[in-house]
PDB file of N, CA and C in Angstrom:
ATOM      1  N   UNK A   1     -28.608  14.803   1.563  1.00  0.00           N
ATOM      2  CA  UNK A   1     -27.382  14.704   2.041  1.00  0.00           C
ATOM      3  C   UNK A   1     -26.971  16.045   2.840  1.00  0.00           C
ATOM      4  N   UNK A   2     -26.893  16.058   3.988  1.00  0.00           N
ATOM      5  CA  UNK A   2     -26.536  17.233   4.965  1.00  0.00           C
ATOM      6  C   UNK A   2     -25.333  18.017   4.218  1.00  0.00           C
ATOM      7  N   UNK A   3     -25.264  19.091   4.371  1.00  0.00           N
ATOM      8  CA  UNK A   3     -24.469  19.971   3.724  1.00  0.00           C
ATOM      9  C   UNK A   3     -23.257  20.226   4.703  1.00  0.00           C
ATOM     10  N   UNK A   4     -22.005  20.019   4.488  1.00  0.00           N
ATOM     11  CA  UNK A   4     -20.903  20.252   5.205  1.00  0.00           C
ATOM     12  C   UNK A   4     -19.786  21.222   5.057  1.00  0.00           C
ATOM     13  N   UNK A   5     -19.365  22.046   5.902  1.00  0.00           N
ATOM     14  CA  UNK A   5     -18.184  23.007   5.283  1.00  0.00           C
ATOM     15  C   UNK A   5     -17.210  22.258   4.380  1.00  0.00           C
ATOM     16  N   UNK A   6     -16.776  22.966   3.371  1.00  0.00           N
ATOM     17  CA  UNK A   6     -15.793  22.435   2.399  1.00  0.00           C
ATOM     18  C   UNK A   6     -14.473  22.025   3.247  1.00  0.00           C
ATOM     19  N   UNK A   7     -13.839  22.788   3.841  1.00  0.00           N
ATOM     20  CA  UNK A   7     -12.736  22.382   4.474  1.00  0.00           C
ATOM     21  C   UNK A   7     -12.925  21.056   5.394  1.00  0.00           C
ATOM     22  N   UNK A   8     -13.957  20.940   5.901  1.00  0.00           N
ATOM     23  CA  UNK A   8     -14.475  19.476   6.562  1.00  0.00           C
ATOM     24  C   UNK A   8     -14.530  18.375   5.683  1.00  0.00           C
ATOM     25  N   UNK A   9     -14.894  18.524   4.774  1.00  0.00           N
ATOM     26  CA  UNK A   9     -15.332  17.636   3.562  1.00  0.00           C
ATOM     27  C   UNK A   9     -13.861  17.193   2.906  1.00  0.00           C
ATOM     28  N   UNK A  10     -13.057  18.258   2.633  1.00  0.00           N
ATOM     29  CA  UNK A  10     -11.551  18.111   2.227  1.00  0.00           C
ATOM     30  C   UNK A  10     -10.893  17.075   3.038  1.00  0.00           C
ATOM     31  N   UNK A  11     -10.844  17.587   4.365  1.00  0.00           N
ATOM     32  CA  UNK A  11      -9.939  16.847   5.241  1.00  0.00           C
ATOM     33  C   UNK A  11     -10.454  15.284   5.512  1.00  0.00           C
ATOM     34  N   UNK A  12     -11.626  15.084   5.651  1.00  0.00           N
ATOM     35  CA  UNK A  12     -12.272  13.775   5.881  1.00  0.00           C
ATOM     36  C   UNK A  12     -11.950  13.134   4.369  1.00  0.00           C
ATOM     37  N   UNK A  13     -12.063  13.616   3.372  1.00  0.00           N
ATOM     38  CA  UNK A  13     -12.039  12.846   2.177  1.00  0.00           C
ATOM     39  C   UNK A  13     -10.534  12.538   1.843  1.00  0.00           C
ATOM     40  N   UNK A  14      -9.500  12.966   2.155  1.00  0.00           N
ATOM     41  CA  UNK A  14      -8.187  12.600   2.236  1.00  0.00           C
ATOM     42  C   UNK A  14      -7.685  11.758   3.315  1.00  0.00           C
ATOM     43  N   UNK A  15      -8.559  11.936   4.551  1.00  0.00           N
ATOM     44  CA  UNK A  15      -8.445  11.008   5.672  1.00  0.00           C
ATOM     45  C   UNK A  15      -8.882   9.448   5.157  1.00  0.00           C
ATOM     46  N   UNK A  16     -10.025   9.655   4.624  1.00  0.00           N
ATOM     47  CA  UNK A  16     -10.465   8.302   3.868  1.00  0.00           C
ATOM     48  C   UNK A  16      -9.663   7.768   2.911  1.00  0.00           C
ATOM     49  N   UNK A  17      -8.926   8.459   1.975  1.00  0.00           N
ATOM     50  CA  UNK A  17      -8.031   8.128   0.964  1.00  0.00           C
ATOM     51  C   UNK A  17      -6.747   7.526   1.643  1.00  0.00           C
ATOM     52  N   UNK A  18      -6.208   8.102   2.564  1.00  0.00           N
ATOM     53  CA  UNK A  18      -5.076   7.505   3.234  1.00  0.00           C
ATOM     54  C   UNK A  18      -5.255   6.189   4.158  1.00  0.00           C
ATOM     55  N   UNK A  19      -6.482   6.350   4.858  1.00  0.00           N
ATOM     56  CA  UNK A  19      -6.628   5.331   5.538  1.00  0.00           C
ATOM     57  C   UNK A  19      -7.036   4.147   4.754  1.00  0.00           C
ATOM     58  N   UNK A  20      -7.730   4.252   3.579  1.00  0.00           N
ATOM     59  CA  UNK A  20      -8.012   3.033   2.491  1.00  0.00           C
ATOM     60  C   UNK A  20      -6.845   2.580   1.859  1.00  0.00           C
ATOM     61  N   UNK A  21      -5.889   3.253   1.567  1.00  0.00           N
ATOM     62  CA  UNK A  21      -4.614   2.978   1.070  1.00  0.00           C
ATOM     63  C   UNK A  21      -3.467   2.607   1.841  1.00  0.00           C
ATOM     64  N   UNK A  22      -3.682   2.524   3.177  1.00  0.00           N
ATOM     65  CA  UNK A  22      -2.750   1.934   4.124  1.00  0.00           C
ATOM     66  C   UNK A  22      -2.560   0.537   3.934  1.00  0.00           C
ATOM     67  N   UNK A  23      -1.408   0.376   4.578  1.00  0.00           N
ATOM     68  CA  UNK A  23      -0.845  -1.084   4.446  1.00  0.00           C
ATOM     69  C   UNK A  23      -1.382  -1.900   5.769  1.00  0.00           C
ATOM     70  N   UNK A  24      -1.850  -1.081   6.848  1.00  0.00           N
ATOM     71  CA  UNK A  24      -2.348  -1.540   7.896  1.00  0.00           C
ATOM     72  C   UNK A  24      -3.686  -1.878   7.892  1.00  0.00           C
ATOM     73  N   UNK A  25      -4.187  -3.112   8.087  1.00  0.00           N
ATOM     74  CA  UNK A  25      -5.680  -3.631   7.983  1.00  0.00           C
ATOM     75  C   UNK A  25      -6.519  -2.616   8.952  1.00  0.00           C
ATOM     76  N   UNK A  26      -6.123  -2.353  10.272  1.00  0.00           N
ATOM     77  CA  UNK A  26      -7.165  -1.641  10.810  1.00  0.00           C
ATOM     78  C   UNK A  26      -7.445  -0.165  10.353  1.00  0.00           C
ATOM     79  N   UNK A  27      -6.372   0.288   9.730  1.00  0.00           N
ATOM     80  CA  UNK A  27      -6.589   1.562   8.941  1.00  0.00           C
ATOM     81  C   UNK A  27      -7.746   1.359   7.703  1.00  0.00           C
ATOM     82  N   UNK A  28      -7.420   0.405   7.076  1.00  0.00           N
ATOM     83  CA  UNK A  28      -8.269   0.115   5.860  1.00  0.00           C
ATOM     84  C   UNK A  28      -9.746  -0.220   6.408  1.00  0.00           C
ATOM     85  N   UNK A  29      -9.814  -0.813   7.459  1.00  0.00           N
ATOM     86  CA  UNK A  29     -11.333  -1.110   8.053  1.00  0.00           C
ATOM     87  C   UNK A  29     -11.811   0.121   8.316  1.00  0.00           C
ATOM     88  N   UNK A  30     -11.160   1.023   9.359  1.00  0.00           N
ATOM     89  CA  UNK A  30     -11.771   2.403   9.657  1.00  0.00           C
ATOM     90  C   UNK A  30     -11.803   3.329   8.563  1.00  0.00           C
ATOM     91  N   UNK A  31     -11.474   3.101   7.432  1.00  0.00           N
ATOM     92  CA  UNK A  31     -11.741   4.050   6.283  1.00  0.00           C
ATOM     93  C   UNK A  31     -13.039   4.281   6.023  1.00  0.00           C
ATOM     94  N   UNK A  32     -13.950   3.265   6.297  1.00  0.00           N
ATOM     95  CA  UNK A  32     -15.392   3.297   6.075  1.00  0.00           C
ATOM     96  C   UNK A  32     -16.064   4.157   6.665  1.00  0.00           C
ATOM     97  N   UNK A  33     -15.560   4.808   7.958  1.00  0.00           N
ATOM     98  CA  UNK A  33     -15.852   5.788   8.862  1.00  0.00           C
ATOM     99  C   UNK A  33     -16.004   7.022   8.034  1.00  0.00           C
ATOM    100  N   UNK A  34     -15.137   7.141   6.905  1.00  0.00           N
ATOM    101  CA  UNK A  34     -15.219   8.259   6.547  1.00  0.00           C
ATOM    102  C   UNK A  34     -15.584   8.368   4.913  1.00  0.00           C
ATOM    103  N   UNK A  35     -16.365   7.279   4.621  1.00  0.00           N
ATOM    104  CA  UNK A  35     -16.942   7.035   3.429  1.00  0.00           C
ATOM    105  C   UNK A  35     -17.877   8.255   2.793  1.00  0.00           C
ATOM    106  N   UNK A  36     -18.589   8.965   4.096  1.00  0.00           N
ATOM    107  CA  UNK A  36     -19.499   9.916   3.847  1.00  0.00           C
ATOM    108  C   UNK A  36     -18.681  11.296   3.042  1.00  0.00           C
ATOM    109  N   UNK A  37     -17.445  11.419   3.161  1.00  0.00           N
ATOM    110  CA  UNK A  37     -16.682  12.532   2.523  1.00  0.00           C
ATOM    111  C   UNK A  37     -16.610  11.975   1.191  1.00  0.00           C
ATOM    112  N   UNK A  38     -16.313  10.804   0.688  1.00  0.00           N
ATOM    113  CA  UNK A  38     -16.118  10.292  -0.709  1.00  0.00           C
ATOM    114  C   UNK A  38     -17.698  10.750  -1.450  1.00  0.00           C
ATOM    115  N   UNK A  39     -18.732  10.266  -0.685  1.00  0.00           N
ATOM    116  CA  UNK A  39     -20.111  10.690  -1.310  1.00  0.00           C
ATOM    117  C   UNK A  39     -20.371  12.136  -1.326  1.00  0.00           C
ATOM    118  N   UNK A  40     -19.756  12.727  -0.362  1.00  0.00           N
ATOM    119  CA  UNK A  40     -19.977  14.470  -0.502  1.00  0.00           C
ATOM    120  C   UNK A  40     -19.249  14.942  -1.764  1.00  0.00           C
ATOM    121  N   UNK A  41     -18.010  14.470  -1.765  1.00  0.00           N
ATOM    122  CA  UNK A  41     -17.351  15.105  -3.121  1.00  0.00           C
ATOM    123  C   UNK A  41     -17.991  14.495  -4.232  1.00  0.00           C
ATOM    124  N   UNK A  42     -18.578  13.442  -4.107  1.00  0.00           N
ATOM    125  CA  UNK A  42     -19.269  12.845  -5.504  1.00  0.00           C
ATOM    126  C   UNK A  42     -20.571  13.916  -5.925  1.00  0.00           C
ATOM    127  N   UNK A  43     -21.313  14.249  -4.590  1.00  0.00           N
ATOM    128  CA  UNK A  43     -22.372  14.979  -4.833  1.00  0.00           C
ATOM    129  C   UNK A  43     -22.132  16.299  -5.304  1.00  0.00           C
ATOM    130  N   UNK A  44     -20.960  16.719  -4.754  1.00  0.00           N
ATOM    131  CA  UNK A  44     -20.685  18.281  -5.015  1.00  0.00           C
ATOM    132  C   UNK A  44     -20.072  18.465  -6.626  1.00  0.00           C
ATOM    133  N   UNK A  45     -19.710  17.379  -7.060  1.00  0.00           N
ATOM    134  CA  UNK A  45     -19.045  17.421  -8.434  1.00  0.00           C
ATOM    135  C   UNK A  45     -19.962  17.253  -9.416  1.00  0.00           C
ATOM    136  N   UNK A  46     -20.968  16.233  -9.048  1.00  0.00           N
ATOM    137  CA  UNK A  46     -21.939  15.837 -10.116  1.00  0.00           C
ATOM    138  C   UNK A  46     -22.449  17.075 -10.987  1.00  0.00           C
ATOM    139  N   UNK A  47     -22.964  18.179 -10.426  1.00  0.00           N
ATOM    140  CA  UNK A  47     -23.506  19.089 -11.219  1.00  0.00           C
ATOM    141  C   UNK A  47     -22.659  19.668 -12.091  1.00  0.00           C
ATOM    142  N   UNK A  48     -21.519  19.692 -11.756  1.00  0.00           N
ATOM    143  CA  UNK A  48     -20.519  20.486 -12.563  1.00  0.00           C
ATOM    144  C   UNK A  48     -20.439  21.880 -12.230  1.00  0.00           C
ATOM    145  N   UNK A  49     -19.980  22.967 -13.045  1.00  0.00           N
ATOM    146  CA  UNK A  49     -20.103  24.209 -12.888  1.00  0.00           C
ATOM    147  C   UNK A  49     -18.862  24.844 -12.036  1.00  0.00           C
ATOM    148  N   UNK A  50     -18.967  25.959 -11.609  1.00  0.00           N
ATOM    149  CA  UNK A  50     -18.152  26.717 -10.771  1.00  0.00           C
ATOM    150  C   UNK A  50     -17.859  26.110  -9.501  1.00  0.00           C
ATOM    151  N   UNK A  51     -19.048  25.796  -8.835  1.00  0.00           N
ATOM    152  CA  UNK A  51     -18.954  25.283  -7.188  1.00  0.00           C
ATOM    153  C   UNK A  51     -18.306  24.048  -7.310  1.00  0.00           C
ATOM    154  N   UNK A  52     -18.400  23.124  -8.485  1.00  0.00           N
ATOM    155  CA  UNK A  52     -17.668  21.703  -8.573  1.00  0.00           C
ATOM    156  C   UNK A  52     -15.920  22.104  -8.727  1.00  0.00           C
ATOM    157  N   UNK A  53     -15.910  23.031  -9.450  1.00  0.00           N
ATOM    158  CA  UNK A  53     -14.317  23.321  -9.737  1.00  0.00           C
ATOM    159  C   UNK A  53     -13.596  23.992  -8.572  1.00  0.00           C
ATOM    160  N   UNK A  54     -14.435  24.760  -7.501  1.00  0.00           N
ATOM    161  CA  UNK A  54     -14.034  25.217  -6.489  1.00  0.00           C
ATOM    162  C   UNK A  54     -13.759  24.103  -5.280  1.00  0.00           C
ATOM    163  N   UNK A  55     -14.427  23.157  -5.426  1.00  0.00           N
ATOM    164  CA  UNK A  55     -14.235  22.044  -4.796  1.00  0.00           C
ATOM    165  C   UNK A  55     -13.174  21.075  -5.257  1.00  0.00           C
ATOM    166  N   UNK A  56     -12.777  21.098  -6.453  1.00  0.00           N
ATOM    167  CA  UNK A  56     -11.674  20.185  -6.999  1.00  0.00           C
ATOM    168  C   UNK A  56     -10.244  21.141  -6.403  1.00  0.00           C
ATOM    169  N   UNK A  57     -10.321  22.515  -6.740  1.00  0.00           N
ATOM    170  CA  UNK A  57      -9.264  23.206  -6.052  1.00  0.00           C
ATOM    171  C   UNK A  57      -9.131  23.130  -4.666  1.00  0.00           C
ATOM    172  N   UNK A  58     -10.047  22.968  -3.914  1.00  0.00           N
ATOM    173  CA  UNK A  58      -9.688  22.785  -2.456  1.00  0.00           C
ATOM    174  C   UNK A  58      -9.167  21.402  -2.208  1.00  0.00           C
ATOM    175  N   UNK A  59      -9.796  20.347  -2.798  1.00  0.00           N
ATOM    176  CA  UNK A  59      -8.993  19.105  -2.684  1.00  0.00           C
ATOM    177  C   UNK A  59      -7.728  18.987  -3.247  1.00  0.00           C
ATOM    178  N   UNK A  60      -7.637  19.446  -4.414  1.00  0.00           N
ATOM    179  CA  UNK A  60      -5.956  19.468  -4.910  1.00  0.00           C
ATOM    180  C   UNK A  60      -5.148  20.103  -4.212  1.00  0.00           C
ATOM    181  N   UNK A  61      -5.526  21.312  -3.655  1.00  0.00           N
ATOM    182  CA  UNK A  61      -4.650  22.200  -2.724  1.00  0.00           C
ATOM    183  C   UNK A  61      -4.066  21.469  -1.573  1.00  0.00           C
ATOM    184  N   UNK A  62      -4.929  20.597  -0.758  1.00  0.00           N
ATOM    185  CA  UNK A  62      -4.701  19.913   0.288  1.00  0.00           C
ATOM    186  C   UNK A  62      -3.729  19.063   0.063  1.00  0.00           C
ATOM    187  N   UNK A  63      -3.370  18.580  -1.055  1.00  0.00           N
ATOM    188  CA  UNK A  63      -2.517  17.738  -1.146  1.00  0.00           C
ATOM    189  C   UNK A  63      -1.424  17.759  -2.550  1.00  0.00           C
ATOM    190  N   UNK A  64      -1.343  19.061  -2.539  1.00  0.00           N
ATOM    191  CA  UNK A  64      -0.596  19.619  -3.841  1.00  0.00           C
ATOM    192  C   UNK A  64       1.025  19.254  -3.683  1.00  0.00           C
ATOM    193  N   UNK A  65       1.420  18.499  -2.655  1.00  0.00           N
ATOM    194  CA  UNK A  65       2.803  18.121  -2.715  1.00  0.00           C
ATOM    195  C   UNK A  65       2.869  16.409  -2.697  1.00  0.00           C
ATOM    196  N   UNK A  66       1.611  15.845  -2.874  1.00  0.00           N
ATOM    197  CA  UNK A  66       1.586  14.284  -2.918  1.00  0.00           C
ATOM    198  C   UNK A  66       1.307  13.858  -4.069  1.00  0.00           C
ATOM    199  N   UNK A  67       2.187  13.535  -5.062  1.00  0.00           N
ATOM    200  CA  UNK A  67       1.901  13.048  -6.399  1.00  0.00           C
ATOM    201  C   UNK A  67       1.112  11.818  -6.590  1.00  0.00           C
ATOM    202  N   UNK A  68       1.059  11.131  -5.363  1.00  0.00           N
ATOM    203  CA  UNK A  68       0.319   9.710  -5.375  1.00  0.00           C
ATOM    204  C   UNK A  68      -1.406  10.171  -5.413  1.00  0.00           C
ATOM    205  N   UNK A  69      -1.323  10.935  -4.250  1.00  0.00           N
ATOM    206  CA  UNK A  69      -2.942  11.510  -4.065  1.00  0.00           C
ATOM    207  C   UNK A  69      -3.365  12.220  -5.290  1.00  0.00           C
ATOM    208  N   UNK A  70      -2.660  13.168  -5.767  1.00  0.00           N
ATOM    209  CA  UNK A  70      -3.050  13.881  -6.701  1.00  0.00           C
ATOM    210  C   UNK A  70      -3.630  12.985  -8.155  1.00  0.00           C
ATOM    211  N   UNK A  71      -2.720  11.969  -8.394  1.00  0.00           N
ATOM    212  CA  UNK A  71      -2.797  10.884  -9.456  1.00  0.00           C
ATOM    213  C   UNK A  71      -4.217  10.319  -9.110  1.00  0.00           C
ATOM    214  N   UNK A  72      -4.483   9.742  -7.916  1.00  0.00           N
ATOM    215  CA  UNK A  72      -5.679   9.345  -7.502  1.00  0.00           C
ATOM    216  C   UNK A  72      -6.805  10.078  -7.685  1.00  0.00           C
ATOM    217  N   UNK A  73      -6.561  11.341  -7.312  1.00  0.00           N
ATOM    218  CA  UNK A  73      -7.777  12.337  -7.527  1.00  0.00           C
ATOM    219  C   UNK A  73      -8.086  12.564  -9.038  1.00  0.00           C
ATOM    220  N   UNK A  74      -6.782  12.878  -9.827  1.00  0.00           N
ATOM    221  CA  UNK A  74      -7.110  13.008 -11.195  1.00  0.00           C
ATOM    222  C   UNK A  74      -7.857  11.759 -11.903  1.00  0.00           C
ATOM    223  N   UNK A  75      -7.480  10.441 -11.447  1.00  0.00           N
ATOM    224  CA  UNK A  75      -8.166   9.475 -12.183  1.00  0.00           C
ATOM    225  C   UNK A  75      -9.490   9.105 -11.587  1.00  0.00           C
ATOM    226  N   UNK A  76      -9.854   9.668 -10.603  1.00  0.00           N
ATOM    227  CA  UNK A  76     -11.250   9.705  -9.903  1.00  0.00           C
ATOM    228  C   UNK A  76     -12.320  10.631  -9.994  1.00  0.00           C
ATOM    229  N   UNK A  77     -12.289  11.539  -8.945  1.00  0.00           N
ATOM    230  CA  UNK A  77     -13.170  12.748  -8.941  1.00  0.00           C
ATOM    231  C   UNK A  77     -12.890  13.511 -10.253  1.00  0.00           C
ATOM    232  N   UNK A  78     -11.753  13.830 -10.859  1.00  0.00           N
ATOM    233  CA  UNK A  78     -11.770  15.040 -11.953  1.00  0.00           C
ATOM    234  C   UNK A  78     -12.177  14.013 -13.280  1.00  0.00           C
ATOM    235  N   UNK A  79     -11.727  12.832 -13.231  1.00  0.00           N
ATOM    236  CA  UNK A  79     -12.282  12.119 -14.315  1.00  0.00           C
ATOM    237  C   UNK A  79     -13.804  11.988 -14.323  1.00  0.00           C
ATOM    238  N   UNK A  80     -14.432  11.839 -13.339  1.00  0.00           N
ATOM    239  CA  UNK A  80     -15.768  11.775 -13.243  1.00  0.00           C
ATOM    240  C   UNK A  80     -16.509  13.096 -13.462  1.00  0.00           C
ATOM    241  N   UNK A  81     -15.851  14.271 -13.051  1.00  0.00           N
ATOM    242  CA  UNK A  81     -16.517  15.453 -13.315  1.00  0.00           C
ATOM    243  C   UNK A  81     -16.462  15.900 -14.956  1.00  0.00           C
ATOM    244  N   UNK A  82     -15.193  15.288 -15.403  1.00  0.00           N
ATOM    245  CA  UNK A  82     -15.400  15.681 -16.838  1.00  0.00           C
ATOM    246  C   UNK A  82     -15.942  14.518 -17.862  1.00  0.00           C
ATOM    247  N   UNK A  83     -16.607  13.489 -17.196  1.00  0.00           N
ATOM    248  CA  UNK A  83     -17.303  12.636 -17.805  1.00  0.00           C
ATOM    249  C   UNK A  83     -18.771  11.986 -17.476  1.00  0.00           C
ATOM    250  N   UNK A  84     -19.180  12.930 -16.498  1.00  0.00           N
ATOM    251  CA  UNK A  84     -20.412  12.726 -15.791  1.00  0.00           C
ATOM    252  C   UNK A  84     -21.698  13.060 -16.912  1.00  0.00           C
ATOM    253  N   UNK A  85     -22.394  11.920 -17.435  1.00  0.00           N
ATOM    254  CA  UNK A  85     -23.832  12.172 -18.102  1.00  0.00           C
ATOM    255  C   UNK A  85     -23.118  12.967 -19.562  1.00  0.00           C
ATOM    256  N   UNK A  86     -22.025  12.547 -19.936  1.00  0.00           N
ATOM    257  CA  UNK A  86     -21.552  13.108 -21.160  1.00  0.00           C
ATOM    258  C   UNK A  86     -20.522  14.348 -20.821  1.00  0.00           C
ATOM    259  N   UNK A  87     -20.179  15.069 -21.944  1.00  0.00           N
ATOM    260  CA  UNK A  87     -19.098  15.966 -22.054  1.00  0.00           C
ATOM    261  C   UNK A  87     -19.571  17.302 -20.739  1.00  0.00           C
ATOM    262  N   UNK A  88     -18.382  17.753 -20.324  1.00  0.00           N
ATOM    263  CA  UNK A  88     -18.729  18.711 -19.346  1.00  0.00           C
ATOM    264  C   UNK A  88     -19.231  20.131 -19.756  1.00  0.00           C
ATOM    265  N   UNK A  89     -20.252  20.953 -19.169  1.00  0.00           N
ATOM    266  CA  UNK A  89     -20.872  22.247 -19.539  1.00  0.00           C
ATOM    267  C   UNK A  89     -19.673  23.213 -19.689  1.00  0.00           C
ATOM    268  N   UNK A  90     -19.879  24.196 -20.625  1.00  0.00           N
ATOM    269  CA  UNK A  90     -19.206  25.053 -20.844  1.00  0.00           C
ATOM    270  C   UNK A  90     -18.637  25.897 -19.736  1.00  0.00           C
ATOM    271  N   UNK A  91     -19.721  25.973 -18.808  1.00  0.00           N
ATOM    272  CA  UNK A  91     -19.236  26.694 -17.319  1.00  0.00           C
ATOM    273  C   UNK A  91     -18.195  25.863 -16.689  1.00  0.00           C
ATOM    274  N   UNK A  92     -18.282  24.566 -16.831  1.00  0.00           N
ATOM    275  CA  UNK A  92     -17.167  23.776 -16.099  1.00  0.00           C
ATOM    276  C   UNK A  92     -16.126  23.945 -16.724  1.00  0.00           C
ATOM    277  N   UNK A  93     -16.118  23.623 -18.159  1.00  0.00           N
ATOM    278  CA  UNK A  93     -14.605  23.879 -18.831  1.00  0.00           C
ATOM    279  C   UNK A  93     -13.939  25.166 -18.619  1.00  0.00           C
ATOM    280  N   UNK A  94     -14.872  26.162 -18.744  1.00  0.00           N
ATOM    281  CA  UNK A  94     -14.306  27.754 -18.518  1.00  0.00           C
ATOM    282  C   UNK A  94     -13.504  27.627 -17.049  1.00  0.00           C
ATOM    283  N   UNK A  95     -14.432  27.355 -16.007  1.00  0.00           N
ATOM    284  CA  UNK A  95     -13.747  27.067 -14.676  1.00  0.00           C
ATOM    285  C   UNK A  95     -12.532  26.554 -14.426  1.00  0.00           C
ATOM    286  N   UNK A  96     -12.652  25.142 -15.150  1.00  0.00           N
ATOM    287  CA  UNK A  96     -11.586  24.373 -14.961  1.00  0.00           C
ATOM    288  C   UNK A  96     -10.330  25.149 -15.608  1.00  0.00           C
ATOM    289  N   UNK A  97     -10.424  25.709 -16.771  1.00  0.00           N
ATOM    290  CA  UNK A  97      -9.326  26.242 -17.536  1.00  0.00           C
ATOM    291  C   UNK A  97      -8.829  27.638 -16.772  1.00  0.00           C
ATOM    292  N   UNK A  98      -9.549  28.172 -16.062  1.00  0.00           N
ATOM    293  CA  UNK A  98      -9.177  29.485 -15.263  1.00  0.00           C
ATOM    294  C   UNK A  98      -8.597  29.023 -14.254  1.00  0.00           C
ATOM    295  N   UNK A  99      -8.827  27.777 -13.518  1.00  0.00           N
ATOM    296  CA  UNK A  99      -8.159  27.176 -12.506  1.00  0.00           C
ATOM    297  C   UNK A  99      -6.874  26.773 -12.982  1.00  0.00           C
ATOM    298  N   UNK A 100      -6.636  26.063 -13.904  1.00  0.00           N
ATOM    299  CA  UNK A 100      -5.619  25.620 -14.443  1.00  0.00           C
ATOM    300  C   UNK A 100      -4.442  26.723 -14.525  1.00  0.00           C
ATOM    301  N   UNK A 101      -5.183  27.780 -15.022  1.00  0.00           N
ATOM    302  CA  UNK A 101      -4.121  28.900 -15.300  1.00  0.00           C
ATOM    303  C   UNK A 101      -3.745  29.485 -14.115  1.00  0.00           C
ATOM    304  N   UNK A 102      -4.498  29.645 -12.964  1.00  0.00           N
ATOM    305  CA  UNK A 102      -4.196  30.041 -11.676  1.00  0.00           C
ATOM    306  C   UNK A 102      -3.268  29.261 -10.651  1.00  0.00           C
ATOM    307  N   UNK A 103      -3.676  27.824 -10.856  1.00  0.00           N
ATOM    308  CA  UNK A 103      -2.844  26.927  -9.964  1.00  0.00           C
ATOM    309  C   UNK A 103      -2.434  25.899 -10.859  1.00  0.00           C
ATOM    310  N   UNK A 104      -1.087  26.188 -11.353  1.00  0.00           N
ATOM    311  CA  UNK A 104      -0.443  25.429 -12.268  1.00  0.00           C
ATOM    312  C   UNK A 104       0.063  24.122 -11.792  1.00  0.00           C
TER     313      UNK A 104
END
């Protein structure tokens, strides 16, 4: 999978989410054009660690005032980060803990 800049992935990820959850059929259909961003986020979070937590922070900051988007994010990618192939690594837990202290 080609590497894209984090800001581009973040913007595309949330574009996909908003289109996919739209009440307009045309929006929902066009969401598939942005599916690459969902895959990029999954790929970035899969190994865990500091880089994965940095992606989590970037994604959360982009929708910090949107409770529904944050709930979607928490029940999806963050949950996957914490449960992928067993418990998260110590590095991931430490990075998440530090991020939670810095970004309430």
